[in-house]
Amino acid sequence: MAGRQRIDRVRRQYNQWVANQTLEDYALRFTAKSARRWSAARVANTALGAISFLAMEAIGGTITLNYGVTNAVAAILVVSVIIFFCGLRLPTMPLNAASTSTC
């Protein structure tokens, strides 16, 4: 049977700091309260971005394994150029023509 446990003053003070939530995260301590409150839309948008990144990684890996690195790089470059030019065209078009765009 072990003897009585001795708790040092430093350890006791550390446990008090950890229990205090304002000292737990230094970065959030100086952040405005309005920035700490996230809406459901912001959380959903963040989750959608993470999920789409993981999906693109999986699709890219599958293309690379099935068709080889050379074909995968060529396909990714072609699709990137198409997406880039579609993105450039939209801001320069008038609003009524943007809704009927085929790109």
C-alpha atoms as a PDB file:
ATOM      1  CA  MET A   1       0.000   0.000   0.000  1.00  0.00           C
ATOM      2  CA  ALA A   2       1.396   3.349  -1.057  1.00  0.00           C
ATOM      3  CA  GLY A   3       1.922   6.131   1.375  1.00  0.00           C
ATOM      4  CA  ARG A   4       0.226   9.460   1.293  1.00  0.00           C
ATOM      5  CA  GLN A   5       0.584  11.303  -2.030  1.00  0.00           C
ATOM      6  CA  ARG A   6       2.325  14.639  -1.890  1.00  0.00           C
ATOM      7  CA  ILE A   7       1.156  17.302  -4.388  1.00  0.00           C
ATOM      8  CA  ASP A   8       3.650  20.066  -5.047  1.00  0.00           C
ATOM      9  CA  ARG A   9       2.530  23.679  -5.116  1.00  0.00           C
ATOM     10  CA  VAL A  10       3.591  24.023  -8.776  1.00  0.00           C
ATOM     11  CA  ARG A  11       1.427  21.070  -9.794  1.00  0.00           C
ATOM     12  CA  ARG A  12      -1.547  22.379  -7.829  1.00  0.00           C
ATOM     13  CA  GLN A  13      -1.198  25.791  -9.493  1.00  0.00           C
ATOM     14  CA  TYR A  14      -0.967  24.153 -12.946  1.00  0.00           C
ATOM     15  CA  ASN A  15      -4.179  22.217 -12.309  1.00  0.00           C
ATOM     16  CA  GLN A  16      -5.923  25.479 -11.382  1.00  0.00           C
ATOM     17  CA  TRP A  17      -4.739  27.096 -14.622  1.00  0.00           C
ATOM     18  CA  VAL A  18      -5.990  24.165 -16.701  1.00  0.00           C
ATOM     19  CA  ALA A  19      -9.397  24.311 -15.000  1.00  0.00           C
ATOM     20  CA  ASN A  20      -9.709  28.016 -15.891  1.00  0.00           C
ATOM     21  CA  GLN A  21     -11.034  28.119 -19.466  1.00  0.00           C
ATOM     22  CA  THR A  22      -9.934  31.686 -20.166  1.00  0.00           C
ATOM     23  CA  LEU A  23      -6.294  30.705 -19.765  1.00  0.00           C
ATOM     24  CA  GLU A  24      -6.610  27.440 -21.670  1.00  0.00           C
ATOM     25  CA  ASP A  25      -6.443  28.847 -25.205  1.00  0.00           C
ATOM     26  CA  TYR A  26      -4.141  31.840 -25.504  1.00  0.00           C
ATOM     27  CA  ALA A  27      -5.224  32.727 -29.069  1.00  0.00           C
ATOM     28  CA  LEU A  28      -8.928  32.840 -28.202  1.00  0.00           C
ATOM     29  CA  ARG A  29      -8.259  34.847 -25.079  1.00  0.00           C
ATOM     30  CA  PHE A  30      -7.688  38.021 -27.098  1.00  0.00           C
ATOM     31  CA  THR A  31     -10.281  37.286 -29.802  1.00  0.00           C
ATOM     32  CA  ALA A  32     -13.505  39.249 -29.815  1.00  0.00           C
ATOM     33  CA  LYS A  33     -16.554  37.326 -28.618  1.00  0.00           C
ATOM     34  CA  SER A  34     -18.356  37.972 -31.899  1.00  0.00           C
ATOM     35  CA  ALA A  35     -15.579  36.127 -33.752  1.00  0.00           C
ATOM     36  CA  ARG A  36     -15.900  33.110 -31.447  1.00  0.00           C
ATOM     37  CA  ARG A  37     -19.557  32.522 -32.259  1.00  0.00           C
ATOM     38  CA  TRP A  38     -19.950  30.651 -35.519  1.00  0.00           C
ATOM     39  CA  SER A  39     -23.242  30.353 -37.321  1.00  0.00           C
ATOM     40  CA  ALA A  40     -24.514  27.024 -38.616  1.00  0.00           C
ATOM     41  CA  ALA A  41     -23.883  28.223 -42.180  1.00  0.00           C
ATOM     42  CA  ARG A  42     -20.214  28.932 -41.449  1.00  0.00           C
ATOM     43  CA  VAL A  43     -19.712  25.537 -39.832  1.00  0.00           C
ATOM     44  CA  ALA A  44     -21.475  23.821 -42.755  1.00  0.00           C
ATOM     45  CA  ASN A  45     -19.380  25.735 -45.290  1.00  0.00           C
ATOM     46  CA  THR A  46     -16.182  24.766 -43.487  1.00  0.00           C
ATOM     47  CA  ALA A  47     -17.246  21.111 -43.369  1.00  0.00           C
ATOM     48  CA  LEU A  48     -18.180  21.188 -47.066  1.00  0.00           C
ATOM     49  CA  GLY A  49     -14.740  22.551 -47.947  1.00  0.00           C
ATOM     50  CA  ALA A  50     -13.002  19.817 -45.970  1.00  0.00           C
ATOM     51  CA  ILE A  51     -15.175  17.093 -47.471  1.00  0.00           C
ATOM     52  CA  SER A  52     -14.657  18.368 -51.011  1.00  0.00           C
ATOM     53  CA  PHE A  53     -10.889  18.437 -50.459  1.00  0.00           C
ATOM     54  CA  LEU A  54     -10.926  14.824 -49.289  1.00  0.00           C
ATOM     55  CA  ALA A  55     -13.120  13.813 -52.233  1.00  0.00           C
ATOM     56  CA  MET A  56     -10.755  15.482 -54.712  1.00  0.00           C
ATOM     57  CA  GLU A  57      -7.792  13.702 -53.116  1.00  0.00           C
ATOM     58  CA  ALA A  58      -9.583  10.361 -53.461  1.00  0.00           C
ATOM     59  CA  ILE A  59     -10.607  11.047 -57.075  1.00  0.00           C
ATOM     60  CA  GLY A  60      -7.098  12.164 -57.993  1.00  0.00           C
ATOM     61  CA  GLY A  61      -5.570   9.098 -56.365  1.00  0.00           C
ATOM     62  CA  THR A  62      -7.994   6.791 -58.152  1.00  0.00           C
ATOM     63  CA  ILE A  63      -7.287   8.393 -61.533  1.00  0.00           C
ATOM     64  CA  THR A  64      -3.546   8.152 -60.902  1.00  0.00           C
ATOM     65  CA  LEU A  65      -3.702   4.492 -59.914  1.00  0.00           C
ATOM     66  CA  ASN A  66      -6.009   3.479 -62.778  1.00  0.00           C
ATOM     67  CA  TYR A  67      -4.523   5.485 -65.663  1.00  0.00           C
ATOM     68  CA  GLY A  68      -0.972   6.344 -64.591  1.00  0.00           C
ATOM     69  CA  VAL A  69       0.754   9.517 -63.504  1.00  0.00           C
ATOM     70  CA  THR A  70       1.252  10.949 -67.006  1.00  0.00           C
ATOM     71  CA  ASN A  71      -2.400  10.648 -67.982  1.00  0.00           C
ATOM     72  CA  ALA A  72      -3.573  11.892 -64.585  1.00  0.00           C
ATOM     73  CA  VAL A  73      -1.389  15.016 -64.764  1.00  0.00           C
ATOM     74  CA  ALA A  74      -2.553  15.735 -68.315  1.00  0.00           C
ATOM     75  CA  ALA A  75      -6.234  15.344 -67.341  1.00  0.00           C
ATOM     76  CA  ILE A  76      -5.837  17.526 -64.255  1.00  0.00           C
ATOM     77  CA  LEU A  77      -4.136  20.268 -66.286  1.00  0.00           C
ATOM     78  CA  VAL A  78      -6.827  20.207 -68.993  1.00  0.00           C
ATOM     79  CA  VAL A  79      -9.655  20.420 -66.455  1.00  0.00           C
ATOM     80  CA  SER A  80      -7.822  23.179 -64.544  1.00  0.00           C
ATOM     81  CA  VAL A  81      -7.506  25.264 -67.720  1.00  0.00           C
ATOM     82  CA  ILE A  82     -11.207  24.767 -68.536  1.00  0.00           C
ATOM     83  CA  ILE A  83     -12.268  25.784 -65.024  1.00  0.00           C
ATOM     84  CA  PHE A  84      -9.917  28.783 -65.096  1.00  0.00           C
ATOM     85  CA  PHE A  85     -11.305  30.121 -68.387  1.00  0.00           C
ATOM     86  CA  CYS A  86     -14.897  29.580 -67.268  1.00  0.00           C
ATOM     87  CA  GLY A  87     -14.105  31.604 -64.166  1.00  0.00           C
ATOM     88  CA  LEU A  88     -12.613  34.445 -66.215  1.00  0.00           C
ATOM     89  CA  ARG A  89     -15.560  34.656 -68.591  1.00  0.00           C
ATOM     90  CA  LEU A  90     -18.314  35.056 -66.006  1.00  0.00           C
ATOM     91  CA  PRO A  91     -17.332  38.415 -64.434  1.00  0.00           C
ATOM     92  CA  THR A  92     -16.945  40.107 -67.827  1.00  0.00           C
ATOM     93  CA  MET A  93     -20.371  39.073 -69.185  1.00  0.00           C
ATOM     94  CA  PRO A  94     -23.528  41.134 -68.641  1.00  0.00           C
ATOM     95  CA  LEU A  95     -25.865  39.870 -65.937  1.00  0.00           C
ATOM     96  CA  ASN A  96     -28.613  38.705 -68.286  1.00  0.00           C
ATOM     97  CA  ALA A  97     -26.164  36.693 -70.419  1.00  0.00           C
ATOM     98  CA  ALA A  98     -24.510  35.073 -67.389  1.00  0.00           C
ATOM     99  CA  SER A  99     -27.639  33.080 -66.601  1.00  0.00           C
ATOM    100  CA  THR A 100     -27.646  31.497 -70.083  1.00  0.00           C
ATOM    101  CA  SER A 101     -23.927  30.677 -70.148  1.00  0.00           C
ATOM    102  CA  THR A 102     -22.995  27.221 -71.400  1.00  0.00           C
ATOM    103  CA  CYS A 103     -19.629  27.167 -69.693  1.00  0.00           C
END
